[in-house]
């Protein structure tokens, strides 16, 4: 693995590394983004954030909001695989967004905003609407990912307010024991609205990616989308076998 760019700014060490066609962003030793344009599904944890969107027909996804954009690995994946009209990427760290544009070659559909995600949501939730919202708000502490925002019912209601009917709300959680305590499983009003959920994991990572919706997650559409992706990107063939679905689609109870 080669380091092609490195800077130490405000006590944070940024490194852009390459391995073959893959480009990766590390901050203080934590891998924040990884992207290979030849293999947009590469069997990594970032794949799991994209997978819930593949339960929808691509033409139904127009606007995507990503809170915690990083250097844009997932943004690049979504642009390649579902081709939404617009991806709004919010990140507190402007260096991440500069790296996204300079090294990850984020597509033109990405509108990148350096801002505090909570403040941005508070100022935008009255008007902004999206078909997919990704919440992946982590920094790092002592070389490990550390969550930046409290996952409470008020926060989830704000995100839900910005979601169009039938849209998909996706959370990346480093701590698997917190999945059952998500407000969508505990708060009665949120549970009624987000009646469908799926959870994915992948070997080698503690993360759980949990997606919620009012509409069912259609496995036939997922299968068709994965077949189309494998035809377009032969290097992706068989990679979906690494993904493990670990929750039933009904969100009628927290267990």
Protein backbone atom coordinates (compact mmCIF):
# COMPACT_ATOMS: atom_id res chain seq x y z
CA UNK A 1 0.00 0.00 0.00
CA UNK A 2 1.41 3.38 -1.03
CA UNK A 3 0.85 6.73 0.70
CA UNK A 4 0.24 9.27 -2.07
CA UNK A 5 -0.68 12.26 0.12
CA UNK A 6 -0.17 13.07 3.78
CA UNK A 7 -0.80 16.13 5.95
CA UNK A 8 -0.88 16.87 9.68
CA UNK A 9 -3.41 19.60 10.40
CA UNK A 10 -4.81 20.71 13.77
CA UNK A 11 -3.53 17.60 15.47
CA UNK A 12 -5.02 15.25 12.87
CA UNK A 13 -2.96 13.10 10.51
CA UNK A 14 -4.57 12.65 7.10
CA UNK A 15 -3.28 10.02 4.68
CA UNK A 16 -4.50 9.04 1.24
CA UNK A 17 -3.29 5.57 0.36
CA UNK A 18 -3.63 3.44 -2.74
CA UNK A 19 -3.61 -0.32 -3.22
CA UNK A 20 -4.02 -1.28 -6.85
CA UNK A 21 -7.05 0.63 -8.16
CA UNK A 22 -8.31 1.24 -4.61
CA UNK A 23 -7.94 4.64 -2.94
CA UNK A 24 -8.37 5.04 0.83
CA UNK A 25 -8.56 7.88 3.33
CA UNK A 26 -7.10 7.44 6.81
CA UNK A 27 -7.43 10.02 9.57
CA UNK A 28 -5.45 9.37 12.74
CA UNK A 29 -5.09 5.77 11.63
CA UNK A 30 -8.83 5.16 11.13
CA UNK A 31 -9.99 4.17 7.63
CA UNK A 32 -12.79 6.62 6.78
CA UNK A 33 -13.33 5.88 3.07
CA UNK A 34 -12.28 3.30 0.50
CA UNK A 35 -13.19 3.23 -3.19
CA UNK A 36 -12.33 1.12 -6.21
CA UNK A 37 -14.02 2.31 -9.43
CA UNK A 38 -13.49 -1.10 -11.04
CA UNK A 39 -15.26 -2.86 -8.18
CA UNK A 40 -17.98 -0.66 -6.66
CA UNK A 41 -19.10 -3.61 -4.53
CA UNK A 42 -15.84 -4.82 -3.05
CA UNK A 43 -16.93 -6.84 -0.02
CA UNK A 44 -16.20 -4.00 2.41
CA UNK A 45 -18.26 -2.45 5.18
CA UNK A 46 -19.17 0.46 2.90
CA UNK A 47 -21.06 -1.95 0.64
CA UNK A 48 -23.57 -2.56 3.39
CA UNK A 49 -24.62 1.10 3.41
CA UNK A 50 -25.47 0.82 -0.29
CA UNK A 51 -27.23 -2.57 -0.12
CA UNK A 52 -30.55 -1.27 1.34
CA UNK A 53 -30.90 1.07 -1.64
CA UNK A 54 -30.69 -1.94 -3.96
CA UNK A 55 -34.06 -3.12 -2.65
CA UNK A 56 -35.53 -0.22 -4.63
CA UNK A 57 -35.77 0.29 -8.37
CA UNK A 58 -33.02 2.81 -9.26
CA UNK A 59 -35.43 5.18 -10.99
CA UNK A 60 -37.30 5.70 -7.69
CA UNK A 61 -34.24 7.21 -5.96
CA UNK A 62 -33.75 10.83 -6.95
CA UNK A 63 -32.23 12.59 -3.94
CA UNK A 64 -29.81 11.16 -1.38
CA UNK A 65 -28.57 12.79 1.83
CA UNK A 66 -25.36 11.52 3.40
CA UNK A 67 -24.54 12.73 6.92
CA UNK A 68 -20.90 11.90 7.48
CA UNK A 69 -19.70 11.93 3.87
CA UNK A 70 -16.02 11.24 4.58
CA UNK A 71 -14.08 11.18 1.35
CA UNK A 72 -17.12 9.89 -0.51
CA UNK A 73 -16.68 6.15 -0.95
CA UNK A 74 -20.39 5.47 -0.47
CA UNK A 75 -21.30 8.50 -2.56
CA UNK A 76 -19.20 7.11 -5.41
CA UNK A 77 -20.79 3.68 -4.98
CA UNK A 78 -24.31 5.07 -5.09
CA UNK A 79 -23.54 7.23 -8.10
CA UNK A 80 -22.20 4.19 -9.95
CA UNK A 81 -24.84 1.68 -8.88
CA UNK A 82 -28.16 3.52 -8.52
CA UNK A 83 -27.43 6.83 -10.31
CA UNK A 84 -29.56 9.22 -8.24
CA UNK A 85 -30.11 12.73 -9.54
CA UNK A 86 -28.42 14.34 -6.52
CA UNK A 87 -26.31 13.37 -3.52
CA UNK A 88 -25.95 15.95 -0.74
CA UNK A 89 -22.90 15.13 1.36
CA UNK A 90 -22.46 16.76 4.78
CA UNK A 91 -19.21 16.46 6.69
CA UNK A 92 -17.79 18.44 9.59
CA UNK A 93 -14.25 18.11 8.25
CA UNK A 94 -13.61 20.22 5.12
CA UNK A 95 -10.37 18.30 4.50
CA UNK A 96 -12.44 15.15 3.94
CA UNK A 97 -14.44 16.94 1.28
CA UNK A 98 -11.32 18.31 -0.41
CA UNK A 99 -9.92 14.78 -0.54
CA UNK A 100 -13.24 13.54 -1.94
CA UNK A 101 -12.93 15.96 -4.83
CA UNK A 102 -9.20 15.71 -5.33
CA UNK A 103 -8.47 12.01 -4.90
CA UNK A 104 -11.79 10.13 -4.94
CA UNK A 105 -13.08 12.02 -8.01
CA UNK A 106 -16.60 12.39 -6.62
CA UNK A 107 -19.10 12.79 -9.46
CA UNK A 108 -20.77 16.08 -10.29
CA UNK A 109 -24.08 14.97 -8.77
CA UNK A 110 -22.47 15.28 -5.31
CA UNK A 111 -23.17 18.59 -3.55
CA UNK A 112 -20.63 18.75 -0.73
CA UNK A 113 -21.19 20.89 2.36
CA UNK A 114 -18.73 21.39 5.22
CA UNK A 115 -21.05 21.73 8.23
CA UNK A 116 -22.11 20.28 11.54
CA UNK A 117 -24.66 17.62 10.59
CA UNK A 118 -26.99 18.33 13.52
CA UNK A 119 -27.06 22.06 12.80
CA UNK A 120 -27.55 21.42 9.09
CA UNK A 121 -30.49 19.08 9.73
CA UNK A 122 -32.07 21.54 12.17
CA UNK A 123 -31.88 24.33 9.60
CA UNK A 124 -33.01 22.20 6.64
CA UNK A 125 -35.60 19.73 7.95
CA UNK A 126 -38.56 22.02 7.27
CA UNK A 127 -37.98 22.05 3.51
CA UNK A 128 -35.39 19.49 2.36
CA UNK A 129 -36.72 16.08 1.32
CA UNK A 130 -34.83 12.95 0.29
CA UNK A 131 -35.50 9.42 -0.94
CA UNK A 132 -32.52 8.02 0.98
CA UNK A 133 -30.83 9.34 4.12
CA UNK A 134 -27.58 7.83 5.38
CA UNK A 135 -26.48 8.62 8.93
CA UNK A 136 -22.83 7.68 9.50
CA UNK A 137 -21.58 10.22 12.02
CA UNK A 138 -18.31 9.02 13.51
CA UNK A 139 -15.00 10.60 14.38
CA UNK A 140 -12.23 8.81 16.22
CA UNK A 141 -10.79 8.58 19.70
CA UNK A 142 -7.52 6.83 20.52
CA UNK A 143 -7.44 5.29 17.06
CA UNK A 144 -10.98 3.90 17.23
CA UNK A 145 -14.26 5.15 15.70
CA UNK A 146 -16.27 7.30 18.11
CA UNK A 147 -19.88 8.35 17.59
CA UNK A 148 -20.45 12.11 17.22
CA UNK A 149 -24.22 12.39 17.70
CA UNK A 150 -26.54 10.99 20.36
CA UNK A 151 -28.94 8.51 18.78
CA UNK A 152 -32.15 9.60 20.48
CA UNK A 153 -35.79 9.80 19.37
CA UNK A 154 -35.63 13.55 18.68
CA UNK A 155 -32.74 13.08 16.26
CA UNK A 156 -34.47 10.20 14.49
CA UNK A 157 -37.71 12.19 14.20
CA UNK A 158 -35.78 15.05 12.58
CA UNK A 159 -34.30 12.65 10.03
CA UNK A 160 -37.69 11.07 9.43
CA UNK A 161 -39.17 14.50 8.74
CA UNK A 162 -36.76 14.88 5.83
CA UNK A 163 -37.56 11.48 4.33
CA UNK A 164 -40.07 11.18 1.51
CA UNK A 165 -42.86 8.57 1.80
CA UNK A 166 -41.44 5.12 1.14
CA UNK A 167 -37.89 6.41 1.49
CA UNK A 168 -35.04 4.58 3.21
CA UNK A 169 -33.26 5.72 6.37
CA UNK A 170 -29.88 3.99 6.86
CA UNK A 171 -27.68 3.95 9.97
CA UNK A 172 -24.12 2.66 10.22
CA UNK A 173 -23.46 1.54 13.81
CA UNK A 174 -20.05 0.46 15.06
CA UNK A 175 -21.54 -0.91 18.30
CA UNK A 176 -23.75 -3.95 17.50
CA UNK A 177 -25.28 -4.01 20.99
CA UNK A 178 -26.91 -0.64 20.30
CA UNK A 179 -29.06 -1.88 17.41
CA UNK A 180 -31.91 -3.11 19.63
CA UNK A 181 -31.96 0.25 21.41
CA UNK A 182 -32.47 2.36 18.30
CA UNK A 183 -35.48 4.67 18.74
CA UNK A 184 -37.20 3.07 15.74
CA UNK A 185 -37.45 -0.11 17.80
CA UNK A 186 -38.31 1.60 21.11
CA UNK A 187 -40.40 4.68 20.34
CA UNK A 188 -44.01 3.77 19.55
CA UNK A 189 -44.61 6.49 16.97
CA UNK A 190 -41.36 5.81 15.13
CA UNK A 191 -41.99 2.07 15.22
CA UNK A 192 -45.41 2.55 13.65
CA UNK A 193 -44.04 4.73 10.89
CA UNK A 194 -40.91 2.70 10.13
CA UNK A 195 -42.66 -0.66 10.03
CA UNK A 196 -39.99 -2.34 7.90
CA UNK A 197 -36.33 -2.83 8.79
CA UNK A 198 -33.30 -4.83 7.71
CA UNK A 199 -29.91 -5.23 9.34
CA UNK A 200 -26.69 -6.34 7.67
CA UNK A 201 -23.24 -7.28 8.88
CA UNK A 202 -20.09 -8.51 7.21
CA UNK A 203 -17.37 -10.80 8.49
CA UNK A 204 -14.39 -9.00 9.97
CA UNK A 205 -16.32 -5.93 11.15
CA UNK A 206 -18.30 -5.19 14.30
CA UNK A 207 -20.52 -2.76 12.39
CA UNK A 208 -24.22 -3.27 11.84
CA UNK A 209 -25.94 -1.34 9.07
CA UNK A 210 -29.64 -0.91 9.82
CA UNK A 211 -32.19 0.42 7.34
CA UNK A 212 -35.77 1.51 8.01
CA UNK A 213 -38.71 2.31 5.76
CA UNK A 214 -42.48 2.52 5.59
CA UNK A 215 -42.36 0.33 2.48
CA UNK A 216 -41.20 -3.32 2.33
CA UNK A 217 -37.68 -4.17 1.24
CA UNK A 218 -38.28 -6.20 -1.90
CA UNK A 219 -35.82 -9.13 -2.24
CA UNK A 220 -36.75 -9.70 -5.88
CA UNK A 221 -35.62 -6.15 -6.74
CA UNK A 222 -32.40 -6.68 -4.77
CA UNK A 223 -31.69 -9.86 -6.72
CA UNK A 224 -32.33 -8.16 -10.06
CA UNK A 225 -30.15 -5.18 -9.16
CA UNK A 226 -27.28 -7.40 -8.03
CA UNK A 227 -27.46 -9.37 -11.29
CA UNK A 228 -27.33 -6.13 -13.29
CA UNK A 229 -24.35 -4.89 -11.26
CA UNK A 230 -22.45 -8.15 -11.83
CA UNK A 231 -23.04 -7.90 -15.58
CA UNK A 232 -21.75 -4.33 -15.64
CA UNK A 233 -18.89 -4.92 -13.20
CA UNK A 234 -17.65 -8.54 -13.52
CA UNK A 235 -15.23 -8.02 -10.61
CA UNK A 236 -18.27 -7.76 -8.30
CA UNK A 237 -19.46 -11.30 -9.04
CA UNK A 238 -20.10 -13.31 -5.92
CA UNK A 239 -19.26 -10.48 -3.53
CA UNK A 240 -22.83 -10.37 -2.15
CA UNK A 241 -22.22 -13.74 -0.50
CA UNK A 242 -20.16 -11.84 2.09
CA UNK A 243 -23.20 -9.85 3.25
CA UNK A 244 -25.19 -11.36 6.11
CA UNK A 245 -28.75 -10.23 6.71
CA UNK A 246 -29.38 -10.56 10.42
CA UNK A 247 -32.83 -9.13 11.10
CA UNK A 248 -36.26 -9.98 9.81
CA UNK A 249 -37.94 -7.37 7.61
CA UNK A 250 -40.77 -6.66 10.06
CA UNK A 251 -40.22 -3.94 12.65
CA UNK A 252 -43.22 -4.92 14.75
CA UNK A 253 -41.11 -5.54 17.86
CA UNK A 254 -37.60 -4.69 19.08
CA UNK A 255 -36.45 -8.35 19.16
